Amino acid sequence: MAGGRERGWAESQRCYLRWVPGARAGFRFPRASSVRSPVPDLDRSEEFGPGVLFRFETESVYTTRQYRDLLRTYSDVVALPPARRQGLVDCRTDLIRFRYGGEIARRELATWRLGRRRESDRPDPCSPRGPRLSRPRPARRR
């Protein structure tokens, strides 16, 4: 997400252009306000009522070591050939260490889409009360 220490993220693009095949010049992270709901299918589903979208924006500060460890977990980084992966990680960590005093902030947006199941005659195995029964059980006599 755009925000935080944007200058650092803009400068990091030269690392991607050098080490990641197909990286786009001029890439900029979007602002959170421009990101749309990623799951419109929930609203069209006949099984669920209207969905509610929750958005959570966070900013995390990472030391050089923490960000290096995080960067190595991203699937697009893991998929790089070893020499390119190491080149990208080294380039990013050198920027953080030498240009930004050993730490960098990263903004993220998480979205959570909640839809409630429409009423139906089918049992709901996920209900905390157990499956709904089609008819009530008779009371037990003592």
N, C-alpha and C. Protein backbone atom coordinates (compact mmCIF):
# COMPACT_ATOMS: atom_id res chain seq x y z
N MET A 1 0.84 -1.17 0.00
CA MET A 1 0.00 0.00 0.00
C MET A 1 0.88 1.24 0.00
N ALA A 2 0.41 2.23 -0.65
CA ALA A 2 1.10 3.51 -0.63
C ALA A 2 0.96 4.10 0.77
N GLY A 3 1.91 4.87 1.15
CA GLY A 3 1.91 5.48 2.48
C GLY A 3 3.18 5.09 3.20
N GLY A 4 3.28 5.42 4.46
CA GLY A 4 4.50 5.09 5.19
C GLY A 4 5.65 5.89 4.62
N ARG A 5 6.76 5.26 4.48
CA ARG A 5 7.97 5.91 3.96
C ARG A 5 8.06 5.62 2.46
N GLU A 6 7.22 6.30 1.69
CA GLU A 6 7.08 6.00 0.27
C GLU A 6 8.38 6.14 -0.51
N ARG A 7 9.22 7.07 -0.13
CA ARG A 7 10.47 7.26 -0.87
C ARG A 7 11.27 5.97 -0.90
N GLY A 8 11.29 5.26 0.23
CA GLY A 8 12.03 4.00 0.28
C GLY A 8 11.47 2.95 -0.65
N TRP A 9 10.13 2.91 -0.78
CA TRP A 9 9.53 1.92 -1.66
C TRP A 9 9.75 2.29 -3.11
N ALA A 10 9.71 3.58 -3.43
CA ALA A 10 9.96 4.00 -4.81
C ALA A 10 11.41 3.67 -5.20
N GLU A 11 12.34 3.92 -4.30
CA GLU A 11 13.75 3.62 -4.60
C GLU A 11 14.00 2.12 -4.71
N SER A 12 13.20 1.32 -4.02
CA SER A 12 13.41 -0.13 -4.08
C SER A 12 13.08 -0.70 -5.45
N GLN A 13 12.34 0.05 -6.26
CA GLN A 13 11.97 -0.46 -7.58
C GLN A 13 13.18 -0.72 -8.46
N ARG A 14 14.26 0.01 -8.24
CA ARG A 14 15.46 -0.28 -9.06
C ARG A 14 16.01 -1.66 -8.75
N CYS A 15 15.81 -2.14 -7.52
CA CYS A 15 16.23 -3.51 -7.18
C CYS A 15 15.40 -4.51 -7.98
N TYR A 16 14.09 -4.27 -8.04
CA TYR A 16 13.21 -5.18 -8.78
C TYR A 16 13.51 -5.15 -10.27
N LEU A 17 13.74 -3.96 -10.81
CA LEU A 17 14.04 -3.85 -12.24
C LEU A 17 15.33 -4.59 -12.59
N ARG A 18 16.27 -4.59 -11.69
CA ARG A 18 17.55 -5.26 -11.95
C ARG A 18 17.46 -6.77 -11.78
N TRP A 19 16.75 -7.23 -10.75
CA TRP A 19 16.80 -8.64 -10.38
C TRP A 19 15.57 -9.48 -10.74
N VAL A 20 14.44 -8.85 -11.03
CA VAL A 20 13.21 -9.60 -11.28
C VAL A 20 12.80 -9.45 -12.75
N PRO A 21 12.86 -10.53 -13.50
CA PRO A 21 12.45 -10.46 -14.91
C PRO A 21 10.98 -10.03 -15.01
N GLY A 22 10.70 -9.11 -15.91
CA GLY A 22 9.33 -8.67 -16.12
C GLY A 22 8.85 -7.58 -15.16
N ALA A 23 9.72 -7.10 -14.27
CA ALA A 23 9.31 -6.02 -13.36
C ALA A 23 9.00 -4.78 -14.19
N ARG A 24 7.94 -4.08 -13.81
CA ARG A 24 7.50 -2.90 -14.57
C ARG A 24 8.16 -1.63 -14.04
N ALA A 25 8.74 -0.85 -14.93
CA ALA A 25 9.30 0.44 -14.55
C ALA A 25 8.16 1.37 -14.16
N GLY A 26 8.37 2.17 -13.14
CA GLY A 26 7.36 3.14 -12.73
C GLY A 26 6.25 2.57 -11.86
N PHE A 27 6.38 1.32 -11.42
CA PHE A 27 5.35 0.72 -10.56
C PHE A 27 5.22 1.54 -9.29
N ARG A 28 3.99 1.77 -8.86
CA ARG A 28 3.70 2.44 -7.59
C ARG A 28 2.62 1.64 -6.88
N PHE A 29 2.74 1.53 -5.57
CA PHE A 29 1.72 0.85 -4.79
C PHE A 29 0.44 1.70 -4.81
N PRO A 30 -0.72 1.05 -4.83
CA PRO A 30 -1.97 1.81 -4.83
C PRO A 30 -2.28 2.36 -3.44
N ARG A 31 -3.08 3.39 -3.40
CA ARG A 31 -3.61 3.90 -2.13
C ARG A 31 -4.72 2.96 -1.69
N ALA A 32 -4.86 2.78 -0.40
CA ALA A 32 -5.89 1.87 0.14
C ALA A 32 -7.28 2.25 -0.35
N SER A 33 -7.54 3.53 -0.49
CA SER A 33 -8.87 3.98 -0.92
C SER A 33 -9.20 3.57 -2.36
N SER A 34 -8.19 3.23 -3.15
CA SER A 34 -8.45 2.84 -4.54
C SER A 34 -8.59 1.33 -4.73
N VAL A 35 -8.40 0.56 -3.65
CA VAL A 35 -8.48 -0.90 -3.74
C VAL A 35 -9.94 -1.32 -3.54
N ARG A 36 -10.48 -2.04 -4.52
CA ARG A 36 -11.87 -2.49 -4.44
C ARG A 36 -11.95 -3.85 -3.77
N SER A 37 -13.16 -4.22 -3.42
CA SER A 37 -13.40 -5.52 -2.80
C SER A 37 -12.96 -6.63 -3.74
N PRO A 38 -12.13 -7.55 -3.27
CA PRO A 38 -11.64 -8.61 -4.14
C PRO A 38 -12.60 -9.78 -4.32
N VAL A 39 -13.75 -9.81 -3.63
CA VAL A 39 -14.61 -10.99 -3.67
C VAL A 39 -16.06 -10.61 -3.97
N PRO A 40 -16.38 -10.17 -5.19
CA PRO A 40 -17.76 -9.82 -5.48
C PRO A 40 -18.67 -11.04 -5.56
N ASP A 41 -18.11 -12.24 -5.69
CA ASP A 41 -18.92 -13.46 -5.80
C ASP A 41 -19.83 -13.65 -4.60
N LEU A 42 -19.40 -13.24 -3.42
CA LEU A 42 -20.20 -13.42 -2.22
C LEU A 42 -21.53 -12.69 -2.35
N ASP A 43 -21.52 -11.50 -2.93
CA ASP A 43 -22.76 -10.74 -3.08
C ASP A 43 -23.72 -11.37 -4.08
N ARG A 44 -23.19 -12.14 -5.02
CA ARG A 44 -24.03 -12.78 -6.04
C ARG A 44 -24.50 -14.17 -5.63
N SER A 45 -23.99 -14.68 -4.53
CA SER A 45 -24.31 -16.04 -4.10
C SER A 45 -25.76 -16.13 -3.61
N GLU A 46 -26.41 -17.23 -3.94
CA GLU A 46 -27.76 -17.47 -3.45
C GLU A 46 -27.74 -18.07 -2.04
N GLU A 47 -26.59 -18.56 -1.61
CA GLU A 47 -26.49 -19.17 -0.28
C GLU A 47 -26.31 -18.15 0.83
N PHE A 48 -25.84 -16.94 0.48
CA PHE A 48 -25.52 -15.94 1.50
C PHE A 48 -26.30 -14.67 1.28
N GLY A 49 -26.58 -13.98 2.39
CA GLY A 49 -27.19 -12.66 2.33
C GLY A 49 -26.14 -11.65 1.90
N PRO A 50 -26.50 -10.37 1.90
CA PRO A 50 -25.54 -9.34 1.48
C PRO A 50 -24.27 -9.40 2.33
N GLY A 51 -23.14 -9.26 1.68
CA GLY A 51 -21.86 -9.31 2.38
C GLY A 51 -21.50 -7.97 3.00
N VAL A 52 -20.65 -8.02 4.00
CA VAL A 52 -20.12 -6.83 4.64
C VAL A 52 -18.60 -6.89 4.48
N LEU A 53 -18.03 -5.79 4.07
CA LEU A 53 -16.58 -5.72 3.86
C LEU A 53 -15.92 -4.99 5.02
N PHE A 54 -14.93 -5.63 5.61
CA PHE A 54 -14.11 -5.00 6.65
C PHE A 54 -12.73 -4.76 6.06
N ARG A 55 -12.16 -3.60 6.32
CA ARG A 55 -10.83 -3.25 5.80
C ARG A 55 -9.94 -2.88 6.98
N PHE A 56 -8.75 -3.43 6.99
CA PHE A 56 -7.81 -3.16 8.06
C PHE A 56 -6.50 -2.67 7.45
N GLU A 57 -6.13 -1.44 7.76
CA GLU A 57 -4.86 -0.88 7.29
C GLU A 57 -3.88 -0.92 8.45
N THR A 58 -2.69 -1.38 8.16
CA THR A 58 -1.64 -1.42 9.18
C THR A 58 -0.34 -0.89 8.61
N GLU A 59 0.52 -0.46 9.49
CA GLU A 59 1.87 -0.09 9.11
C GLU A 59 2.81 -0.79 10.08
N SER A 60 3.71 -1.56 9.55
CA SER A 60 4.67 -2.29 10.37
C SER A 60 6.07 -1.77 10.09
N VAL A 61 6.87 -1.63 11.13
CA VAL A 61 8.25 -1.21 10.98
C VAL A 61 9.14 -2.44 11.13
N TYR A 62 10.05 -2.61 10.19
CA TYR A 62 10.95 -3.76 10.17
C TYR A 62 12.40 -3.31 10.23
N THR A 63 13.20 -4.03 10.99
CA THR A 63 14.64 -3.83 10.93
C THR A 63 15.13 -4.47 9.63
N THR A 64 16.38 -4.21 9.28
CA THR A 64 16.95 -4.81 8.07
C THR A 64 16.80 -6.32 8.11
N ARG A 65 17.16 -6.93 9.21
CA ARG A 65 17.10 -8.39 9.33
C ARG A 65 15.66 -8.91 9.25
N GLN A 66 14.74 -8.25 9.93
CA GLN A 66 13.34 -8.67 9.91
C GLN A 66 12.77 -8.59 8.50
N TYR A 67 13.08 -7.50 7.79
CA TYR A 67 12.54 -7.36 6.45
C TYR A 67 13.18 -8.37 5.49
N ARG A 68 14.46 -8.62 5.65
CA ARG A 68 15.12 -9.64 4.82
C ARG A 68 14.44 -10.99 5.01
N ASP A 69 14.18 -11.35 6.27
CA ASP A 69 13.51 -12.63 6.54
C ASP A 69 12.10 -12.66 5.96
N LEU A 70 11.36 -11.55 6.05
CA LEU A 70 10.02 -11.47 5.49
C LEU A 70 10.06 -11.57 3.96
N LEU A 71 10.96 -10.82 3.34
CA LEU A 71 11.07 -10.82 1.89
C LEU A 71 11.33 -12.22 1.35
N ARG A 72 12.07 -13.00 2.05
CA ARG A 72 12.39 -14.37 1.62
C ARG A 72 11.19 -15.31 1.69
N THR A 73 10.08 -14.87 2.29
CA THR A 73 8.88 -15.72 2.36
C THR A 73 7.89 -15.44 1.24
N TYR A 74 8.04 -14.33 0.52
CA TYR A 74 7.09 -13.97 -0.53
C TYR A 74 7.23 -14.93 -1.70
N SER A 75 6.10 -15.43 -2.19
CA SER A 75 6.13 -16.46 -3.22
C SER A 75 6.83 -16.00 -4.49
N ASP A 76 6.67 -14.72 -4.87
CA ASP A 76 7.35 -14.27 -6.08
C ASP A 76 8.86 -14.21 -5.89
N VAL A 77 9.31 -14.00 -4.69
CA VAL A 77 10.75 -14.00 -4.40
C VAL A 77 11.26 -15.44 -4.33
N VAL A 78 10.53 -16.31 -3.67
CA VAL A 78 10.91 -17.73 -3.57
C VAL A 78 11.02 -18.35 -4.96
N ALA A 79 10.16 -17.92 -5.90
CA ALA A 79 10.13 -18.49 -7.25
C ALA A 79 11.31 -18.06 -8.11
N LEU A 80 12.05 -17.04 -7.71
CA LEU A 80 13.19 -16.58 -8.51
C LEU A 80 14.32 -17.61 -8.46
N PRO A 81 15.12 -17.67 -9.53
CA PRO A 81 16.33 -18.51 -9.46
C PRO A 81 17.21 -18.01 -8.31
N PRO A 82 17.98 -18.91 -7.68
CA PRO A 82 18.74 -18.55 -6.48
C PRO A 82 19.61 -17.28 -6.62
N ALA A 83 20.32 -17.11 -7.72
CA ALA A 83 21.18 -15.93 -7.87
C ALA A 83 20.36 -14.64 -7.93
N ARG A 84 19.25 -14.67 -8.63
CA ARG A 84 18.38 -13.48 -8.71
C ARG A 84 17.73 -13.20 -7.36
N ARG A 85 17.29 -14.27 -6.69
CA ARG A 85 16.67 -14.11 -5.37
C ARG A 85 17.65 -13.45 -4.41
N GLN A 86 18.86 -13.95 -4.38
CA GLN A 86 19.87 -13.40 -3.46
C GLN A 86 20.22 -11.97 -3.85
N GLY A 87 20.30 -11.69 -5.15
CA GLY A 87 20.57 -10.33 -5.60
C GLY A 87 19.50 -9.35 -5.17
N LEU A 88 18.23 -9.76 -5.30
CA LEU A 88 17.12 -8.90 -4.88
C LEU A 88 17.15 -8.67 -3.37
N VAL A 89 17.32 -9.73 -2.62
CA VAL A 89 17.34 -9.62 -1.15
C VAL A 89 18.50 -8.72 -0.71
N ASP A 90 19.68 -8.92 -1.29
CA ASP A 90 20.84 -8.09 -0.93
C ASP A 90 20.61 -6.62 -1.30
N CYS A 91 20.06 -6.38 -2.47
CA CYS A 91 19.79 -5.01 -2.91
C CYS A 91 18.82 -4.32 -1.96
N ARG A 92 17.72 -5.00 -1.61
CA ARG A 92 16.73 -4.41 -0.70
C ARG A 92 17.31 -4.17 0.69
N THR A 93 18.04 -5.15 1.21
CA THR A 93 18.58 -4.98 2.57
C THR A 93 19.67 -3.92 2.60
N ASP A 94 20.46 -3.78 1.54
CA ASP A 94 21.46 -2.70 1.49
C ASP A 94 20.79 -1.33 1.52
N LEU A 95 19.69 -1.19 0.79
CA LEU A 95 18.95 0.08 0.83
C LEU A 95 18.47 0.39 2.24
N ILE A 96 17.89 -0.59 2.89
CA ILE A 96 17.37 -0.38 4.24
C ILE A 96 18.51 -0.04 5.21
N ARG A 97 19.58 -0.79 5.13
CA ARG A 97 20.70 -0.60 6.06
C ARG A 97 21.41 0.73 5.83
N PHE A 98 21.72 1.06 4.58
CA PHE A 98 22.58 2.21 4.32
C PHE A 98 21.84 3.51 4.00
N ARG A 99 20.61 3.44 3.48
CA ARG A 99 19.88 4.66 3.13
C ARG A 99 18.84 5.05 4.18
N TYR A 100 18.35 4.07 4.95
CA TYR A 100 17.24 4.36 5.85
C TYR A 100 17.54 4.02 7.30
N GLY A 101 18.79 3.95 7.64
CA GLY A 101 19.15 3.79 9.04
C GLY A 101 18.79 2.45 9.66
N GLY A 102 18.61 1.43 8.84
CA GLY A 102 18.40 0.09 9.38
C GLY A 102 16.96 -0.31 9.65
N GLU A 103 16.00 0.54 9.24
CA GLU A 103 14.60 0.12 9.39
C GLU A 103 13.75 0.76 8.30
N ILE A 104 12.64 0.11 8.03
CA ILE A 104 11.72 0.60 7.01
C ILE A 104 10.29 0.26 7.43
N ALA A 105 9.34 1.10 7.02
CA ALA A 105 7.93 0.87 7.33
C ALA A 105 7.22 0.33 6.09
N ARG A 106 6.33 -0.60 6.31
CA ARG A 106 5.56 -1.19 5.22
C ARG A 106 4.08 -1.09 5.58
N ARG A 107 3.29 -0.50 4.67
CA ARG A 107 1.83 -0.39 4.86
C ARG A 107 1.17 -1.57 4.16
N GLU A 108 0.13 -2.09 4.80
CA GLU A 108 -0.60 -3.21 4.23
C GLU A 108 -2.09 -3.00 4.42
N LEU A 109 -2.85 -3.61 3.54
CA LEU A 109 -4.30 -3.57 3.62
C LEU A 109 -4.80 -5.01 3.60
N ALA A 110 -5.59 -5.36 4.59
CA ALA A 110 -6.23 -6.68 4.61
C ALA A 110 -7.73 -6.43 4.51
N THR A 111 -8.40 -7.23 3.71
CA THR A 111 -9.85 -7.13 3.62
C THR A 111 -10.46 -8.43 4.09
N TRP A 112 -11.58 -8.30 4.75
CA TRP A 112 -12.29 -9.46 5.28
C TRP A 112 -13.73 -9.32 4.85
N ARG A 113 -14.22 -10.28 4.15
CA ARG A 113 -15.58 -10.26 3.63
C ARG A 113 -16.42 -11.23 4.43
N LEU A 114 -17.52 -10.77 4.99
CA LEU A 114 -18.38 -11.60 5.82
C LEU A 114 -19.76 -11.67 5.19
N GLY A 115 -20.23 -12.89 5.00
CA GLY A 115 -21.59 -13.09 4.50
C GLY A 115 -22.28 -14.11 5.39
N ARG A 116 -23.49 -13.84 5.74
CA ARG A 116 -24.25 -14.78 6.57
C ARG A 116 -25.08 -15.68 5.67
N ARG A 117 -25.11 -16.95 6.04
CA ARG A 117 -25.87 -17.94 5.29
C ARG A 117 -27.36 -17.58 5.35
N ARG A 118 -28.02 -17.67 4.20
CA ARG A 118 -29.47 -17.44 4.17
C ARG A 118 -30.16 -18.58 4.89
N GLU A 119 -31.32 -18.33 5.44
CA GLU A 119 -32.09 -19.38 6.11
C GLU A 119 -32.45 -20.45 5.09
N SER A 120 -32.35 -21.70 5.51
CA SER A 120 -32.74 -22.80 4.62
C SER A 120 -33.16 -23.98 5.48
N ASP A 121 -33.66 -24.99 4.84
CA ASP A 121 -34.07 -26.20 5.55
C ASP A 121 -32.90 -27.14 5.78
N ARG A 122 -31.76 -26.85 5.18
CA ARG A 122 -30.61 -27.73 5.32
C ARG A 122 -29.96 -27.56 6.69
N PRO A 123 -29.45 -28.62 7.29
CA PRO A 123 -28.73 -28.49 8.56
C PRO A 123 -27.48 -27.65 8.39
N ASP A 124 -27.13 -26.92 9.41
CA ASP A 124 -25.92 -26.10 9.39
C ASP A 124 -24.88 -26.76 10.29
N PRO A 125 -23.95 -27.53 9.72
CA PRO A 125 -22.98 -28.25 10.55
C PRO A 125 -21.99 -27.33 11.27
N CYS A 126 -21.93 -26.07 10.87
CA CYS A 126 -20.98 -25.14 11.49
C CYS A 126 -21.60 -24.33 12.61
N SER A 127 -22.89 -24.49 12.84
CA SER A 127 -23.56 -23.73 13.88
C SER A 127 -23.04 -24.14 15.25
N PRO A 128 -22.80 -23.18 16.17
CA PRO A 128 -22.34 -23.54 17.52
C PRO A 128 -23.36 -24.38 18.27
N ARG A 129 -24.62 -24.34 17.86
CA ARG A 129 -25.66 -25.15 18.51
C ARG A 129 -25.80 -26.51 17.85
N GLY A 130 -24.97 -26.80 16.89
CA GLY A 130 -25.08 -28.06 16.17
C GLY A 130 -26.01 -27.90 14.98
N PRO A 131 -26.18 -28.96 14.22
CA PRO A 131 -27.04 -28.86 13.03
C PRO A 131 -28.47 -28.53 13.42
N ARG A 132 -29.12 -27.70 12.61
CA ARG A 132 -30.54 -27.41 12.81
C ARG A 132 -31.33 -28.63 12.37
N LEU A 133 -32.28 -29.02 13.17
CA LEU A 133 -33.09 -30.19 12.85
C LEU A 133 -34.37 -29.74 12.17
N SER A 134 -34.90 -30.59 11.33
CA SER A 134 -36.12 -30.22 10.62
C SER A 134 -37.32 -30.19 11.55
N ARG A 135 -37.28 -30.92 12.66
CA ARG A 135 -38.37 -30.86 13.63
C ARG A 135 -37.76 -30.97 15.03
N PRO A 136 -38.39 -30.40 16.02
CA PRO A 136 -37.84 -30.44 17.38
C PRO A 136 -37.88 -31.85 17.96
N ARG A 137 -36.93 -32.14 18.82
CA ARG A 137 -36.91 -33.43 19.52
C ARG A 137 -37.94 -33.42 20.64
N PRO A 138 -38.59 -34.55 20.87
CA PRO A 138 -39.54 -34.59 22.00
C PRO A 138 -38.79 -34.50 23.33
N ALA A 139 -39.45 -33.92 24.33
CA ALA A 139 -38.85 -33.81 25.65
C ALA A 139 -38.70 -35.21 26.27
N ARG A 140 -37.64 -35.41 26.99
CA ARG A 140 -37.38 -36.71 27.65
C ARG A 140 -38.16 -36.75 28.98
N ARG A 141 -38.88 -37.84 29.22
CA ARG A 141 -39.64 -38.00 30.48
C ARG A 141 -38.85 -38.83 31.45
N ARG A 142 -39.00 -38.52 32.73
CA ARG A 142 -38.29 -39.27 33.78
C ARG A 142 -39.22 -40.16 34.52
